[in-house]
PDB file of N, CA and C in Angstrom:
ATOM      1  N   MET A   1       0.782  -1.051   0.141  1.00  0.00           N
ATOM      2  CA  MET A   1       0.017  -0.048   0.051  1.00  0.00           C
ATOM      3  C   MET A   1       0.756   1.180   0.323  1.00  0.00           C
ATOM      4  N   ALA A   2       1.955   1.561   0.719  1.00  0.00           N
ATOM      5  CA  ALA A   2       2.804   2.189   0.714  1.00  0.00           C
ATOM      6  C   ALA A   2       3.647   2.582  -0.492  1.00  0.00           C
ATOM      7  N   LYS A   3       3.784   1.571  -1.486  1.00  0.00           N
ATOM      8  CA  LYS A   3       4.238   1.834  -2.784  1.00  0.00           C
ATOM      9  C   LYS A   3       3.300   2.687  -3.355  1.00  0.00           C
ATOM     10  N   VAL A   4       2.080   2.178  -3.553  1.00  0.00           N
ATOM     11  CA  VAL A   4       0.924   2.802  -4.005  1.00  0.00           C
ATOM     12  C   VAL A   4       1.109   4.177  -4.215  1.00  0.00           C
ATOM     13  N   ALA A   5       0.644   4.868  -2.802  1.00  0.00           N
ATOM     14  CA  ALA A   5       0.881   5.870  -2.267  1.00  0.00           C
ATOM     15  C   ALA A   5       1.738   6.973  -2.522  1.00  0.00           C
ATOM     16  N   LYS A   6       2.871   6.313  -2.229  1.00  0.00           N
ATOM     17  CA  LYS A   6       4.307   6.795  -2.819  1.00  0.00           C
ATOM     18  C   LYS A   6       4.361   7.097  -4.507  1.00  0.00           C
ATOM     19  N   HIS A   7       3.843   6.223  -5.424  1.00  0.00           N
ATOM     20  CA  HIS A   7       3.719   6.505  -6.601  1.00  0.00           C
ATOM     21  C   HIS A   7       2.811   7.846  -7.261  1.00  0.00           C
ATOM     22  N   GLN A   8       1.424   7.523  -6.118  1.00  0.00           N
ATOM     23  CA  GLN A   8       0.455   8.508  -6.628  1.00  0.00           C
ATOM     24  C   GLN A   8       1.020   9.712  -6.356  1.00  0.00           C
ATOM     25  N   SER A   9       1.840   9.776  -5.211  1.00  0.00           N
ATOM     26  CA  SER A   9       2.431  11.244  -4.885  1.00  0.00           C
ATOM     27  C   SER A   9       3.592  11.578  -5.904  1.00  0.00           C
ATOM     28  N   LEU A  10       4.055  10.696  -6.528  1.00  0.00           N
ATOM     29  CA  LEU A  10       5.091  11.218  -7.769  1.00  0.00           C
ATOM     30  C   LEU A  10       4.319  11.758  -9.072  1.00  0.00           C
ATOM     31  N   VAL A  11       3.300  10.950  -9.034  1.00  0.00           N
ATOM     32  CA  VAL A  11       2.383  11.352 -10.188  1.00  0.00           C
ATOM     33  C   VAL A  11       2.048  12.755  -9.813  1.00  0.00           C
ATOM     34  N   ASN A  12       1.427  13.173  -8.906  1.00  0.00           N
ATOM     35  CA  ASN A  12       0.904  14.273  -8.406  1.00  0.00           C
ATOM     36  C   ASN A  12       1.654  15.420  -8.510  1.00  0.00           C
ATOM     37  N   GLU A  13       2.846  15.552  -8.116  1.00  0.00           N
ATOM     38  CA  GLU A  13       4.338  16.178  -7.901  1.00  0.00           C
ATOM     39  C   GLU A  13       4.439  16.549  -9.517  1.00  0.00           C
ATOM     40  N   LYS A  14       4.392  15.432 -10.501  1.00  0.00           N
ATOM     41  CA  LYS A  14       5.012  15.846 -11.870  1.00  0.00           C
ATOM     42  C   LYS A  14       3.774  16.527 -12.300  1.00  0.00           C
ATOM     43  N   PHE A  15       2.393  16.187 -12.021  1.00  0.00           N
ATOM     44  CA  PHE A  15       1.473  17.068 -12.478  1.00  0.00           C
ATOM     45  C   PHE A  15       1.549  18.602 -12.275  1.00  0.00           C
ATOM     46  N   PHE A  16       1.821  18.799 -11.102  1.00  0.00           N
ATOM     47  CA  PHE A  16       1.918  20.093 -10.665  1.00  0.00           C
ATOM     48  C   PHE A  16       2.990  20.995 -11.438  1.00  0.00           C
ATOM     49  N   ILE A  17       4.135  20.281 -11.649  1.00  0.00           N
ATOM     50  CA  ILE A  17       5.163  21.086 -12.092  1.00  0.00           C
ATOM     51  C   ILE A  17       4.816  21.169 -13.837  1.00  0.00           C
ATOM     52  N   ALA A  18       4.318  20.122 -14.406  1.00  0.00           N
ATOM     53  CA  ALA A  18       3.498  20.461 -15.549  1.00  0.00           C
ATOM     54  C   ALA A  18       2.752  21.461 -15.567  1.00  0.00           C
ATOM     55  N   LEU A  19       1.885  21.530 -14.752  1.00  0.00           N
ATOM     56  CA  LEU A  19       1.018  22.725 -14.576  1.00  0.00           C
ATOM     57  C   LEU A  19       1.556  24.121 -14.219  1.00  0.00           C
ATOM     58  N   GLY A  20       2.300  24.028 -13.513  1.00  0.00           N
ATOM     59  CA  GLY A  20       3.200  25.476 -13.623  1.00  0.00           C
ATOM     60  C   GLY A  20       4.145  25.750 -14.759  1.00  0.00           C
ATOM     61  N   GLN A  21       4.603  24.953 -15.411  1.00  0.00           N
ATOM     62  CA  GLN A  21       5.515  25.142 -16.699  1.00  0.00           C
ATOM     63  C   GLN A  21       4.315  25.534 -17.831  1.00  0.00           C
ATOM     64  N   THR A  22       3.276  24.909 -18.014  1.00  0.00           N
ATOM     65  CA  THR A  22       2.029  25.420 -18.770  1.00  0.00           C
ATOM     66  C   THR A  22       1.627  26.848 -18.443  1.00  0.00           C
ATOM     67  N   ILE A  23       1.401  27.135 -17.440  1.00  0.00           N
ATOM     68  CA  ILE A  23       0.916  28.537 -17.080  1.00  0.00           C
ATOM     69  C   ILE A  23       2.104  29.463 -17.428  1.00  0.00           C
ATOM     70  N   SER A  24       3.156  29.302 -17.022  1.00  0.00           N
ATOM     71  CA  SER A  24       4.292  30.134 -17.530  1.00  0.00           C
ATOM     72  C   SER A  24       4.345  30.354 -18.974  1.00  0.00           C
ATOM     73  N   GLN A  25       4.305  29.151 -19.839  1.00  0.00           N
ATOM     74  CA  GLN A  25       4.314  29.114 -21.048  1.00  0.00           C
ATOM     75  C   GLN A  25       3.140  30.091 -21.816  1.00  0.00           C
ATOM     76  N   LYS A  26       2.006  29.724 -21.397  1.00  0.00           N
ATOM     77  CA  LYS A  26       0.856  30.452 -21.710  1.00  0.00           C
ATOM     78  C   LYS A  26       0.751  31.931 -21.390  1.00  0.00           C
ATOM     79  N   ARG A  27       1.151  32.345 -20.088  1.00  0.00           N
ATOM     80  CA  ARG A  27       1.327  33.517 -19.600  1.00  0.00           C
ATOM     81  C   ARG A  27       2.419  34.473 -20.592  1.00  0.00           C
ATOM     82  N   THR A  28       3.666  33.806 -20.705  1.00  0.00           N
ATOM     83  CA  THR A  28       4.594  34.583 -21.517  1.00  0.00           C
ATOM     84  C   THR A  28       4.112  34.374 -23.195  1.00  0.00           C
ATOM     85  N   GLN A  29       3.434  33.657 -23.441  1.00  0.00           N
ATOM     86  CA  GLN A  29       2.956  33.670 -25.109  1.00  0.00           C
ATOM     87  C   GLN A  29       1.893  34.737 -25.305  1.00  0.00           C
ATOM     88  N   LEU A  30       0.993  35.273 -24.103  1.00  0.00           N
ATOM     89  CA  LEU A  30       0.328  36.124 -24.222  1.00  0.00           C
ATOM     90  C   LEU A  30       0.667  37.448 -23.756  1.00  0.00           C
ATOM     91  N   GLY A  31       2.303  37.471 -23.312  1.00  0.00           N
ATOM     92  CA  GLY A  31       3.193  38.872 -23.257  1.00  0.00           C
ATOM     93  C   GLY A  31       2.577  39.483 -21.740  1.00  0.00           C
ATOM     94  N   LEU A  32       2.238  38.320 -20.789  1.00  0.00           N
ATOM     95  CA  LEU A  32       1.781  38.847 -19.399  1.00  0.00           C
ATOM     96  C   LEU A  32       3.243  38.864 -18.325  1.00  0.00           C
ATOM     97  N   THR A  33       3.331  39.657 -17.609  1.00  0.00           N
ATOM     98  CA  THR A  33       4.034  39.673 -16.604  1.00  0.00           C
ATOM     99  C   THR A  33       3.207  38.708 -15.221  1.00  0.00           C
ATOM    100  N   GLN A  34       4.092  38.113 -14.432  1.00  0.00           N
ATOM    101  CA  GLN A  34       3.322  37.643 -13.223  1.00  0.00           C
ATOM    102  C   GLN A  34       2.170  38.495 -12.461  1.00  0.00           C
ATOM    103  N   GLU A  35       2.733  39.760 -12.601  1.00  0.00           N
ATOM    104  CA  GLU A  35       1.874  40.742 -12.106  1.00  0.00           C
ATOM    105  C   GLU A  35       0.476  41.027 -12.525  1.00  0.00           C
ATOM    106  N   GLU A  36       0.576  40.809 -14.069  1.00  0.00           N
ATOM    107  CA  GLU A  36      -0.728  41.350 -14.680  1.00  0.00           C
ATOM    108  C   GLU A  36      -1.654  40.185 -14.561  1.00  0.00           C
ATOM    109  N   LEU A  37      -0.721  39.110 -14.560  1.00  0.00           N
ATOM    110  CA  LEU A  37      -1.551  37.728 -14.171  1.00  0.00           C
ATOM    111  C   LEU A  37      -1.975  37.569 -12.783  1.00  0.00           C
ATOM    112  N   ALA A  38      -1.646  37.902 -12.261  1.00  0.00           N
ATOM    113  CA  ALA A  38      -2.170  38.216 -10.583  1.00  0.00           C
ATOM    114  C   ALA A  38      -3.504  39.062 -10.732  1.00  0.00           C
ATOM    115  N   ALA A  39      -3.150  40.447 -11.342  1.00  0.00           N
ATOM    116  CA  ALA A  39      -4.184  41.237 -11.424  1.00  0.00           C
ATOM    117  C   ALA A  39      -5.667  40.630 -12.198  1.00  0.00           C
ATOM    118  N   LEU A  40      -5.245  39.947 -13.190  1.00  0.00           N
ATOM    119  CA  LEU A  40      -6.336  39.422 -14.018  1.00  0.00           C
ATOM    120  C   LEU A  40      -7.223  38.084 -13.589  1.00  0.00           C
ATOM    121  N   SER A  41      -6.002  37.325 -12.336  1.00  0.00           N
ATOM    122  CA  SER A  41      -6.801  36.034 -11.873  1.00  0.00           C
ATOM    123  C   SER A  41      -7.146  36.190 -10.547  1.00  0.00           C
ATOM    124  N   GLY A  42      -6.695  37.246  -9.845  1.00  0.00           N
ATOM    125  CA  GLY A  42      -6.997  37.485  -8.402  1.00  0.00           C
ATOM    126  C   GLY A  42      -6.058  36.644  -7.538  1.00  0.00           C
ATOM    127  N   VAL A  43      -5.119  35.849  -8.183  1.00  0.00           N
ATOM    128  CA  VAL A  43      -4.125  35.090  -7.392  1.00  0.00           C
ATOM    129  C   VAL A  43      -2.934  36.025  -6.949  1.00  0.00           C
ATOM    130  N   ASN A  44      -2.307  35.794  -5.736  1.00  0.00           N
ATOM    131  CA  ASN A  44      -1.449  36.491  -5.466  1.00  0.00           C
ATOM    132  C   ASN A  44      -0.103  36.269  -6.359  1.00  0.00           C
ATOM    133  N   ARG A  45       0.746  37.475  -6.978  1.00  0.00           N
ATOM    134  CA  ARG A  45       1.929  37.318  -7.499  1.00  0.00           C
ATOM    135  C   ARG A  45       2.923  36.033  -7.383  1.00  0.00           C
ATOM    136  N   ALA A  46       3.201  36.139  -6.025  1.00  0.00           N
ATOM    137  CA  ALA A  46       4.325  34.931  -5.516  1.00  0.00           C
ATOM    138  C   ALA A  46       3.739  33.820  -5.472  1.00  0.00           C
ATOM    139  N   PHE A  47       2.461  33.449  -5.345  1.00  0.00           N
ATOM    140  CA  PHE A  47       2.018  32.213  -5.399  1.00  0.00           C
ATOM    141  C   PHE A  47       1.968  31.982  -6.911  1.00  0.00           C
ATOM    142  N   ILE A  48       1.880  32.655  -7.747  1.00  0.00           N
ATOM    143  CA  ILE A  48       1.978  32.367  -9.135  1.00  0.00           C
ATOM    144  C   ILE A  48       3.266  31.781  -9.616  1.00  0.00           C
ATOM    145  N   SER A  49       4.349  32.709  -9.248  1.00  0.00           N
ATOM    146  CA  SER A  49       5.760  32.517  -8.938  1.00  0.00           C
ATOM    147  C   SER A  49       6.235  31.106  -8.750  1.00  0.00           C
ATOM    148  N   ASN A  50       5.410  30.852  -7.376  1.00  0.00           N
ATOM    149  CA  ASN A  50       5.951  29.780  -6.738  1.00  0.00           C
ATOM    150  C   ASN A  50       5.176  28.356  -7.612  1.00  0.00           C
ATOM    151  N   MET A  51       4.051  28.548  -7.960  1.00  0.00           N
ATOM    152  CA  MET A  51       3.614  27.580  -8.863  1.00  0.00           C
ATOM    153  C   MET A  51       4.241  27.212 -10.074  1.00  0.00           C
ATOM    154  N   GLU A  52       4.786  28.467 -10.686  1.00  0.00           N
ATOM    155  CA  GLU A  52       5.486  28.213 -12.067  1.00  0.00           C
ATOM    156  C   GLU A  52       6.774  27.801 -11.843  1.00  0.00           C
ATOM    157  N   ASN A  53       7.403  27.676 -10.487  1.00  0.00           N
ATOM    158  CA  ASN A  53       8.477  26.815 -10.333  1.00  0.00           C
ATOM    159  C   ASN A  53       8.582  25.933  -9.610  1.00  0.00           C
ATOM    160  N   GLY A  54       7.266  25.334  -9.455  1.00  0.00           N
ATOM    161  CA  GLY A  54       7.207  23.862  -8.897  1.00  0.00           C
ATOM    162  C   GLY A  54       7.145  23.767  -7.263  1.00  0.00           C
ATOM    163  N   ILE A  55       6.702  24.807  -6.941  1.00  0.00           N
ATOM    164  CA  ILE A  55       6.866  25.100  -5.390  1.00  0.00           C
ATOM    165  C   ILE A  55       5.700  24.844  -4.565  1.00  0.00           C
ATOM    166  N   ARG A  56       4.510  25.317  -5.291  1.00  0.00           N
ATOM    167  CA  ARG A  56       3.150  25.316  -4.623  1.00  0.00           C
ATOM    168  C   ARG A  56       2.252  24.420  -5.488  1.00  0.00           C
ATOM    169  N   ASN A  57       1.382  23.756  -4.864  1.00  0.00           N
ATOM    170  CA  ASN A  57       0.345  23.098  -5.673  1.00  0.00           C
ATOM    171  C   ASN A  57      -1.034  23.716  -5.240  1.00  0.00           C
ATOM    172  N   PRO A  58      -1.731  24.184  -6.196  1.00  0.00           N
ATOM    173  CA  PRO A  58      -2.854  24.951  -6.213  1.00  0.00           C
ATOM    174  C   PRO A  58      -4.033  24.249  -5.955  1.00  0.00           C
ATOM    175  N   SER A  59      -5.019  24.675  -5.361  1.00  0.00           N
ATOM    176  CA  SER A  59      -6.403  24.069  -5.333  1.00  0.00           C
ATOM    177  C   SER A  59      -7.000  24.470  -6.724  1.00  0.00           C
ATOM    178  N   LEU A  60      -8.119  23.639  -6.896  1.00  0.00           N
ATOM    179  CA  LEU A  60      -8.705  23.511  -8.276  1.00  0.00           C
ATOM    180  C   LEU A  60      -9.329  24.845  -8.635  1.00  0.00           C
ATOM    181  N   GLY A  61      -9.898  25.662  -7.456  1.00  0.00           N
ATOM    182  CA  GLY A  61     -10.697  26.836  -7.524  1.00  0.00           C
ATOM    183  C   GLY A  61      -9.251  27.971  -7.889  1.00  0.00           C
ATOM    184  N   THR A  62      -7.975  27.747  -7.356  1.00  0.00           N
ATOM    185  CA  THR A  62      -7.144  28.750  -7.878  1.00  0.00           C
ATOM    186  C   THR A  62      -7.005  28.342  -9.335  1.00  0.00           C
ATOM    187  N   VAL A  63      -6.812  27.206  -9.564  1.00  0.00           N
ATOM    188  CA  VAL A  63      -6.206  26.929 -11.319  1.00  0.00           C
ATOM    189  C   VAL A  63      -7.503  27.458 -11.903  1.00  0.00           C
ATOM    190  N   ALA A  64      -8.685  27.528 -11.567  1.00  0.00           N
ATOM    191  CA  ALA A  64      -9.549  27.887 -12.310  1.00  0.00           C
ATOM    192  C   ALA A  64      -9.600  29.299 -12.497  1.00  0.00           C
ATOM    193  N   SER A  65      -9.117  30.085 -11.509  1.00  0.00           N
ATOM    194  CA  SER A  65      -9.098  31.894 -11.751  1.00  0.00           C
ATOM    195  C   SER A  65      -7.923  31.873 -12.539  1.00  0.00           C
ATOM    196  N   ILE A  66      -6.742  31.309 -12.252  1.00  0.00           N
ATOM    197  CA  ILE A  66      -5.683  31.648 -13.386  1.00  0.00           C
ATOM    198  C   ILE A  66      -6.030  31.150 -15.058  1.00  0.00           C
ATOM    199  N   ALA A  67      -6.663  30.184 -14.836  1.00  0.00           N
ATOM    200  CA  ALA A  67      -7.394  29.706 -16.371  1.00  0.00           C
ATOM    201  C   ALA A  67      -7.785  30.862 -16.675  1.00  0.00           C
ATOM    202  N   LYS A  68      -8.678  31.634 -15.986  1.00  0.00           N
ATOM    203  CA  LYS A  68      -9.500  32.855 -16.507  1.00  0.00           C
ATOM    204  C   LYS A  68      -8.594  33.714 -16.644  1.00  0.00           C
ATOM    205  N   GLY A  69      -7.902  33.953 -15.939  1.00  0.00           N
ATOM    206  CA  GLY A  69      -6.723  35.043 -16.396  1.00  0.00           C
ATOM    207  C   GLY A  69      -6.088  35.150 -17.223  1.00  0.00           C
ATOM    208  N   LEU A  70      -5.736  33.746 -17.927  1.00  0.00           N
ATOM    209  CA  LEU A  70      -5.191  33.431 -19.115  1.00  0.00           C
ATOM    210  C   LEU A  70      -5.880  33.199 -20.132  1.00  0.00           C
ATOM    211  N   ARG A  71      -7.185  33.514 -20.044  1.00  0.00           N
ATOM    212  CA  ARG A  71      -8.277  33.459 -21.282  1.00  0.00           C
ATOM    213  C   ARG A  71      -8.157  32.349 -21.887  1.00  0.00           C
ATOM    214  N   MET A  72      -8.265  31.266 -21.201  1.00  0.00           N
ATOM    215  CA  MET A  72      -8.314  29.785 -21.579  1.00  0.00           C
ATOM    216  C   MET A  72      -9.399  29.053 -20.622  1.00  0.00           C
ATOM    217  N   ARG A  73     -10.115  27.907 -21.065  1.00  0.00           N
ATOM    218  CA  ARG A  73     -10.942  27.165 -20.238  1.00  0.00           C
ATOM    219  C   ARG A  73      -9.987  26.115 -19.397  1.00  0.00           C
ATOM    220  N   LEU A  74     -10.717  26.222 -18.110  1.00  0.00           N
ATOM    221  CA  LEU A  74     -10.022  25.491 -16.973  1.00  0.00           C
ATOM    222  C   LEU A  74      -9.573  23.886 -17.808  1.00  0.00           C
ATOM    223  N   SER A  75     -10.221  23.243 -18.518  1.00  0.00           N
ATOM    224  CA  SER A  75      -9.988  21.847 -18.792  1.00  0.00           C
ATOM    225  C   SER A  75      -9.162  21.996 -19.923  1.00  0.00           C
ATOM    226  N   THR A  76      -8.994  23.011 -20.722  1.00  0.00           N
ATOM    227  CA  THR A  76      -7.856  23.212 -21.574  1.00  0.00           C
ATOM    228  C   THR A  76      -6.613  23.328 -20.921  1.00  0.00           C
ATOM    229  N   LEU A  77      -6.283  24.079 -19.943  1.00  0.00           N
ATOM    230  CA  LEU A  77      -5.451  24.173 -19.187  1.00  0.00           C
ATOM    231  C   LEU A  77      -4.896  22.921 -18.550  1.00  0.00           C
ATOM    232  N   ILE A  78      -5.900  21.875 -17.997  1.00  0.00           N
ATOM    233  CA  ILE A  78      -5.593  20.832 -17.357  1.00  0.00           C
ATOM    234  C   ILE A  78      -5.121  20.036 -18.428  1.00  0.00           C
ATOM    235  N   ALA A  79      -5.719  19.869 -19.617  1.00  0.00           N
ATOM    236  CA  ALA A  79      -5.261  19.122 -20.677  1.00  0.00           C
ATOM    237  C   ALA A  79      -3.780  19.200 -21.639  1.00  0.00           C
ATOM    238  N   LYS A  80      -3.665  20.785 -21.308  1.00  0.00           N
ATOM    239  CA  LYS A  80      -2.446  20.955 -21.695  1.00  0.00           C
ATOM    240  C   LYS A  80      -1.377  20.694 -20.853  1.00  0.00           C
ATOM    241  N   SER A  81      -1.520  20.618 -19.364  1.00  0.00           N
ATOM    242  CA  SER A  81      -0.480  20.204 -18.416  1.00  0.00           C
ATOM    243  C   SER A  81      -0.369  18.730 -18.729  1.00  0.00           C
ATOM    244  N   GLU A  82      -1.584  18.084 -18.903  1.00  0.00           N
ATOM    245  CA  GLU A  82      -1.289  16.874 -18.974  1.00  0.00           C
ATOM    246  C   GLU A  82      -0.265  16.311 -20.378  1.00  0.00           C
ATOM    247  N   GLU A  83      -0.352  17.135 -20.982  1.00  0.00           N
ATOM    248  CA  GLU A  83       0.244  16.703 -22.601  1.00  0.00           C
ATOM    249  C   GLU A  83       1.837  17.117 -22.079  1.00  0.00           C
ATOM    250  N   ASN A  84       1.991  17.938 -21.148  1.00  0.00           N
ATOM    251  CA  ASN A  84       3.622  18.363 -20.791  1.00  0.00           C
ATOM    252  C   ASN A  84       3.940  17.507 -19.760  1.00  0.00           C
ATOM    253  N   LEU A  85       3.316  16.461 -19.209  1.00  0.00           N
ATOM    254  CA  LEU A  85       4.007  15.446 -18.116  1.00  0.00           C
ATOM    255  C   LEU A  85       5.173  14.409 -19.069  1.00  0.00           C
TER     256      LEU A  85
END
């Protein structure tokens, strides 16, 4: 059972790293700074920075707010993140 939990933890960690990379890529593609994305999404700039660097794992609500700030659907952001795994 411990092996399964450890494997799941690694899968989650990889997903959150990919999510941060996807957010950073899309933000850069749109020509937005972290400050601008923070203003558009209502998410703290430092939190966005930590997400993009794989340090923080956001809630689904936070990811939805960031997706809105990036002008994309939540499902699209998640799918693009899965593609980056």
